[in-house]
Amino acid sequence: MEQGTTTRTGHEDEGIDQDRLALAAGAPTAFDPEAGMATAEYAIATLAAAGLAGLLIAILKSDAVRGLIEGVVTSAFSIL
């Protein structure tokens, strides 16, 4: 950027490159190829968790697992 040009903030640039300052501060810039990666990773993890929850519900609703759980609960209450 040339000295004396106006930046995104509307202030005159005094020889300081605003993009380099933003990058040094850790802020994503317009040319950051990894911008939004955390959001995509959260979306994938949420979909995986929902799929796993659906699978567990299907397994727990099966007759074999239901009978096993009923047997464990019945034996636990018969001891008391």
N, C-alpha and C. Protein backbone atom coordinates (compact mmCIF):
# COMPACT_ATOMS: atom_id res chain seq x y z
N MET A 1 0.85 -1.16 0.00
CA MET A 1 0.00 0.00 0.00
C MET A 1 0.90 1.24 0.00
N GLU A 2 0.55 2.22 -0.76
CA GLU A 2 1.35 3.43 -0.82
C GLU A 2 1.01 4.33 0.36
N GLN A 3 1.99 5.10 0.76
CA GLN A 3 1.77 6.01 1.88
C GLN A 3 0.78 7.09 1.48
N GLY A 4 -0.17 7.37 2.39
CA GLY A 4 -1.15 8.41 2.13
C GLY A 4 -2.44 7.89 1.53
N THR A 5 -2.56 6.57 1.32
CA THR A 5 -3.80 6.04 0.77
C THR A 5 -4.78 5.74 1.90
N THR A 6 -6.04 5.64 1.55
CA THR A 6 -7.07 5.39 2.56
C THR A 6 -7.27 3.88 2.72
N THR A 7 -7.36 3.41 3.96
CA THR A 7 -7.54 1.99 4.24
C THR A 7 -9.01 1.67 4.41
N ARG A 8 -9.29 0.41 4.77
CA ARG A 8 -10.67 -0.03 4.97
C ARG A 8 -11.36 0.74 6.08
N THR A 9 -10.61 1.19 7.04
CA THR A 9 -11.21 1.90 8.17
C THR A 9 -11.52 3.35 7.83
N GLY A 10 -11.03 3.83 6.69
CA GLY A 10 -11.30 5.20 6.29
C GLY A 10 -10.23 6.17 6.78
N HIS A 11 -9.27 5.72 7.57
CA HIS A 11 -8.20 6.58 8.05
C HIS A 11 -7.03 6.53 7.07
N GLU A 12 -6.27 7.57 7.10
CA GLU A 12 -5.12 7.58 6.21
C GLU A 12 -4.06 6.63 6.72
N ASP A 13 -3.50 5.87 5.80
CA ASP A 13 -2.44 4.92 6.15
C ASP A 13 -1.15 5.70 6.34
N GLU A 14 -0.49 5.45 7.45
CA GLU A 14 0.77 6.15 7.74
C GLU A 14 1.95 5.22 7.54
N GLY A 15 1.89 4.41 6.47
CA GLY A 15 3.00 3.52 6.17
C GLY A 15 2.88 2.16 6.84
N ILE A 16 1.76 1.87 7.49
CA ILE A 16 1.59 0.58 8.16
C ILE A 16 0.61 -0.26 7.34
N ASP A 17 1.01 -1.46 7.01
CA ASP A 17 0.16 -2.35 6.22
C ASP A 17 -0.89 -2.97 7.14
N GLN A 18 -2.15 -2.62 6.93
CA GLN A 18 -3.23 -3.06 7.81
C GLN A 18 -3.42 -4.58 7.76
N ASP A 19 -3.25 -5.19 6.58
CA ASP A 19 -3.40 -6.64 6.47
C ASP A 19 -2.34 -7.37 7.29
N ARG A 20 -1.13 -6.86 7.29
CA ARG A 20 -0.08 -7.49 8.10
C ARG A 20 -0.36 -7.35 9.58
N LEU A 21 -0.91 -6.22 9.98
CA LEU A 21 -1.27 -6.04 11.39
C LEU A 21 -2.38 -7.01 11.79
N ALA A 22 -3.37 -7.16 10.93
CA ALA A 22 -4.47 -8.08 11.23
C ALA A 22 -3.98 -9.51 11.30
N LEU A 23 -3.09 -9.88 10.38
CA LEU A 23 -2.54 -11.23 10.37
C LEU A 23 -1.69 -11.48 11.61
N ALA A 24 -0.90 -10.49 12.02
CA ALA A 24 -0.08 -10.63 13.22
C ALA A 24 -0.95 -10.73 14.47
N ALA A 25 -2.10 -10.10 14.47
CA ALA A 25 -3.01 -10.15 15.61
C ALA A 25 -3.82 -11.43 15.62
N GLY A 26 -3.74 -12.24 14.56
CA GLY A 26 -4.46 -13.49 14.50
C GLY A 26 -5.83 -13.38 13.87
N ALA A 27 -6.18 -12.23 13.37
CA ALA A 27 -7.49 -12.04 12.74
C ALA A 27 -7.45 -12.61 11.33
N PRO A 28 -8.51 -13.31 10.91
CA PRO A 28 -8.53 -13.83 9.54
C PRO A 28 -8.64 -12.68 8.54
N THR A 29 -7.98 -12.81 7.44
CA THR A 29 -8.04 -11.78 6.40
C THR A 29 -8.76 -12.34 5.19
N ALA A 30 -9.00 -11.50 4.21
CA ALA A 30 -9.76 -11.90 3.02
C ALA A 30 -9.05 -13.00 2.25
N PHE A 31 -7.75 -13.11 2.35
CA PHE A 31 -7.00 -14.10 1.60
C PHE A 31 -6.62 -15.31 2.44
N ASP A 32 -7.21 -15.48 3.61
CA ASP A 32 -6.90 -16.59 4.50
C ASP A 32 -7.56 -17.87 3.98
N PRO A 33 -6.79 -18.87 3.51
CA PRO A 33 -7.38 -20.08 2.95
C PRO A 33 -8.05 -20.97 3.99
N GLU A 34 -7.76 -20.77 5.27
CA GLU A 34 -8.35 -21.60 6.32
C GLU A 34 -9.49 -20.91 7.06
N ALA A 35 -9.95 -19.79 6.56
CA ALA A 35 -11.06 -19.08 7.21
C ALA A 35 -12.31 -19.94 7.14
N GLY A 36 -12.98 -20.13 8.28
CA GLY A 36 -14.19 -20.93 8.34
C GLY A 36 -13.97 -22.41 8.55
N MET A 37 -12.73 -22.85 8.73
CA MET A 37 -12.46 -24.27 8.91
C MET A 37 -13.05 -24.79 10.21
N ALA A 38 -13.01 -24.02 11.27
CA ALA A 38 -13.55 -24.49 12.54
C ALA A 38 -15.05 -24.72 12.43
N THR A 39 -15.74 -23.87 11.70
CA THR A 39 -17.18 -24.03 11.52
C THR A 39 -17.48 -25.33 10.77
N ALA A 40 -16.71 -25.62 9.74
CA ALA A 40 -16.92 -26.85 8.98
C ALA A 40 -16.62 -28.08 9.84
N GLU A 41 -15.60 -27.99 10.68
CA GLU A 41 -15.27 -29.12 11.55
C GLU A 41 -16.37 -29.35 12.58
N TYR A 42 -16.94 -28.29 13.12
CA TYR A 42 -18.05 -28.44 14.06
C TYR A 42 -19.26 -29.06 13.37
N ALA A 43 -19.53 -28.67 12.14
CA ALA A 43 -20.67 -29.21 11.41
C ALA A 43 -20.50 -30.71 11.16
N ILE A 44 -19.30 -31.13 10.79
CA ILE A 44 -19.03 -32.55 10.55
C ILE A 44 -19.15 -33.34 11.85
N ALA A 45 -18.62 -32.79 12.94
CA ALA A 45 -18.71 -33.48 14.23
C ALA A 45 -20.16 -33.58 14.70
N THR A 46 -20.96 -32.56 14.45
CA THR A 46 -22.38 -32.59 14.83
C THR A 46 -23.13 -33.64 14.03
N LEU A 47 -22.86 -33.73 12.73
CA LEU A 47 -23.50 -34.76 11.92
C LEU A 47 -23.09 -36.16 12.36
N ALA A 48 -21.82 -36.34 12.70
CA ALA A 48 -21.35 -37.65 13.17
C ALA A 48 -22.02 -38.01 14.50
N ALA A 49 -22.15 -37.06 15.40
CA ALA A 49 -22.80 -37.32 16.69
C ALA A 49 -24.28 -37.67 16.50
N ALA A 50 -24.94 -36.97 15.60
CA ALA A 50 -26.36 -37.26 15.34
C ALA A 50 -26.51 -38.66 14.72
N GLY A 51 -25.61 -39.03 13.84
CA GLY A 51 -25.65 -40.36 13.24
C GLY A 51 -25.42 -41.45 14.28
N LEU A 52 -24.46 -41.23 15.17
CA LEU A 52 -24.19 -42.19 16.23
C LEU A 52 -25.37 -42.31 17.18
N ALA A 53 -26.00 -41.19 17.51
CA ALA A 53 -27.18 -41.21 18.38
C ALA A 53 -28.31 -42.00 17.72
N GLY A 54 -28.52 -41.82 16.44
CA GLY A 54 -29.55 -42.57 15.72
C GLY A 54 -29.27 -44.06 15.73
N LEU A 55 -28.00 -44.42 15.55
CA LEU A 55 -27.61 -45.83 15.57
C LEU A 55 -27.84 -46.43 16.96
N LEU A 56 -27.49 -45.71 18.01
CA LEU A 56 -27.70 -46.21 19.37
C LEU A 56 -29.18 -46.37 19.69
N ILE A 57 -30.00 -45.45 19.22
CA ILE A 57 -31.44 -45.56 19.44
C ILE A 57 -31.99 -46.80 18.74
N ALA A 58 -31.54 -47.03 17.52
CA ALA A 58 -31.99 -48.21 16.78
C ALA A 58 -31.57 -49.50 17.49
N ILE A 59 -30.36 -49.52 18.03
CA ILE A 59 -29.88 -50.71 18.74
C ILE A 59 -30.66 -50.92 20.03
N LEU A 60 -30.88 -49.84 20.78
CA LEU A 60 -31.58 -49.97 22.06
C LEU A 60 -33.06 -50.32 21.89
N LYS A 61 -33.65 -50.03 20.74
CA LYS A 61 -35.05 -50.37 20.50
C LYS A 61 -35.22 -51.81 20.02
N SER A 62 -34.13 -52.50 19.73
CA SER A 62 -34.25 -53.88 19.25
C SER A 62 -34.74 -54.79 20.39
N ASP A 63 -35.41 -55.87 20.02
CA ASP A 63 -36.00 -56.77 21.00
C ASP A 63 -34.93 -57.45 21.86
N ALA A 64 -33.81 -57.81 21.28
CA ALA A 64 -32.76 -58.51 22.03
C ALA A 64 -32.20 -57.62 23.14
N VAL A 65 -31.91 -56.37 22.81
CA VAL A 65 -31.35 -55.45 23.80
C VAL A 65 -32.42 -55.09 24.84
N ARG A 66 -33.65 -54.92 24.41
CA ARG A 66 -34.73 -54.62 25.34
C ARG A 66 -34.91 -55.75 26.35
N GLY A 67 -34.87 -57.00 25.89
CA GLY A 67 -34.98 -58.14 26.79
C GLY A 67 -33.81 -58.21 27.76
N LEU A 68 -32.61 -57.90 27.29
CA LEU A 68 -31.43 -57.90 28.15
C LEU A 68 -31.55 -56.84 29.24
N ILE A 69 -31.99 -55.65 28.88
CA ILE A 69 -32.15 -54.56 29.86
C ILE A 69 -33.25 -54.90 30.86
N GLU A 70 -34.35 -55.47 30.39
CA GLU A 70 -35.43 -55.86 31.30
C GLU A 70 -34.96 -56.92 32.28
N GLY A 71 -34.14 -57.87 31.81
CA GLY A 71 -33.60 -58.90 32.68
C GLY A 71 -32.70 -58.32 33.76
N VAL A 72 -31.86 -57.36 33.40
CA VAL A 72 -30.97 -56.73 34.37
C VAL A 72 -31.77 -55.95 35.40
N VAL A 73 -32.76 -55.20 34.96
CA VAL A 73 -33.58 -54.40 35.88
C VAL A 73 -34.41 -55.30 36.80
N THR A 74 -34.98 -56.36 36.23
CA THR A 74 -35.79 -57.29 37.04
C THR A 74 -34.93 -57.96 38.10
N SER A 75 -33.74 -58.41 37.74
CA SER A 75 -32.87 -59.07 38.72
C SER A 75 -32.39 -58.07 39.78
N ALA A 76 -32.20 -56.81 39.40
CA ALA A 76 -31.76 -55.81 40.38
C ALA A 76 -32.85 -55.53 41.39
N PHE A 77 -34.12 -55.49 40.95
CA PHE A 77 -35.23 -55.22 41.87
C PHE A 77 -35.61 -56.45 42.69
N SER A 78 -35.31 -57.64 42.18
CA SER A 78 -35.65 -58.85 42.94
C SER A 78 -34.71 -59.06 44.12
N ILE A 79 -33.52 -58.48 44.04
CA ILE A 79 -32.54 -58.58 45.13
C ILE A 79 -33.02 -57.74 46.31
N LEU A 80 -33.62 -56.61 46.04
CA LEU A 80 -34.07 -55.73 47.11
C LEU A 80 -35.24 -56.37 47.77
